[in-house]
Each structure stands twice: as C-alpha cells, then as structure tokens.
Amino acid sequence: MPAQITRYAYDEAEPYGPEQVRQAYVQAGDVIGLVVQSRKGTAAAVPFQQTVTLQSELLA
C-alpha cells in the first residue's frame, strides 16, 4: 500500500532580497523531508513544483 504524502509549500513574500527562496515540507508517515530552492532574482514556481513532486515520489 503506497504511503499517503502530505505537502506544505511556501514561497518568500515580496519584497525579497537579491534571491527568492521557496521551501516545501513533504511528509510520509513518520518521515519528513524538506525541499529548499533559491535563485538569484526569482525562483520559478514550475521547476520548484516539479522538484517537490519528484522528491515526494522518492519518499513514498
């Protein structure tokens, strides 16, 4: 039976400094993973969401 995955994603509110930070917490059972992505300028939402999805699949 696959583990149920819970995701909580956050991105830094404007105004942010020279780089933007996005983070997500991924939980499967009693295991919690943290995904952090930062980029000079803005950290695009789609690549971040893809990274979180792929890490969730690895955790399950």
Protein backbone atom coordinates (compact mmCIF):
# COMPACT_ATOMS: atom_id res chain seq x y z
CA MET A 1 0.00 0.00 0.00
CA PRO A 2 1.54 3.37 -1.02
CA ALA A 3 2.21 5.88 1.73
CA GLN A 4 -0.02 8.93 1.91
CA ILE A 5 2.01 12.02 1.07
CA THR A 6 1.26 15.43 2.57
CA ARG A 7 2.92 18.54 1.12
CA TYR A 8 3.16 22.06 2.50
CA ALA A 9 4.79 24.58 0.16
CA TYR A 10 5.79 28.16 0.93
CA ASP A 11 7.47 30.91 -1.04
CA GLU A 12 9.08 34.05 0.23
CA ALA A 13 6.79 37.05 0.08
CA GLU A 14 7.78 40.19 -1.78
CA PRO A 15 9.81 42.23 -1.33
CA TYR A 16 12.65 39.75 -1.15
CA GLY A 17 16.34 40.42 -1.44
CA PRO A 18 18.66 39.55 -4.32
CA GLU A 19 17.35 35.96 -4.38
CA GLN A 20 13.98 34.32 -3.77
CA VAL A 21 13.60 31.25 -1.57
CA ARG A 22 10.88 28.58 -1.88
CA GLN A 23 10.52 25.70 0.54
CA ALA A 24 8.27 22.69 0.96
CA TYR A 25 7.79 20.12 3.68
CA VAL A 26 6.88 16.64 2.47
CA GLN A 27 5.53 14.08 4.94
CA ALA A 28 5.01 10.35 4.50
CA GLY A 29 4.13 8.56 7.72
CA ASP A 30 6.73 9.48 10.33
CA VAL A 31 9.27 10.77 7.76
CA ILE A 32 9.50 14.48 6.90
CA GLY A 33 11.53 15.86 4.02
CA LEU A 34 12.48 19.49 3.41
CA VAL A 35 12.95 20.83 -0.12
CA VAL A 36 14.55 24.29 -0.40
CA GLN A 37 15.16 26.10 -3.66
CA SER A 38 16.66 29.56 -4.04
CA ARG A 39 17.62 31.50 -7.10
CA LYS A 40 19.03 34.91 -7.86
CA GLY A 41 16.11 37.07 -8.94
CA THR A 42 13.03 34.86 -8.79
CA ALA A 43 12.70 31.13 -8.26
CA ALA A 44 10.20 29.93 -10.86
CA ALA A 45 7.17 28.06 -9.49
CA VAL A 46 7.01 25.24 -12.07
CA PRO A 47 10.55 23.83 -11.59
CA PHE A 48 10.03 24.03 -7.82
CA GLN A 49 6.72 22.14 -8.04
CA GLN A 50 8.37 19.50 -10.24
CA THR A 51 11.18 19.07 -7.73
CA VAL A 52 8.71 18.69 -4.86
CA THR A 53 6.68 16.14 -6.83
CA LEU A 54 9.75 14.07 -7.70
CA GLN A 55 11.02 14.12 -4.11
CA SER A 56 7.54 13.09 -2.92
CA GLU A 57 7.62 10.10 -5.25
CA LEU A 58 11.02 9.07 -3.87
CA LEU A 59 9.72 9.36 -0.32
CA ALA A 60 6.59 7.26 -0.95
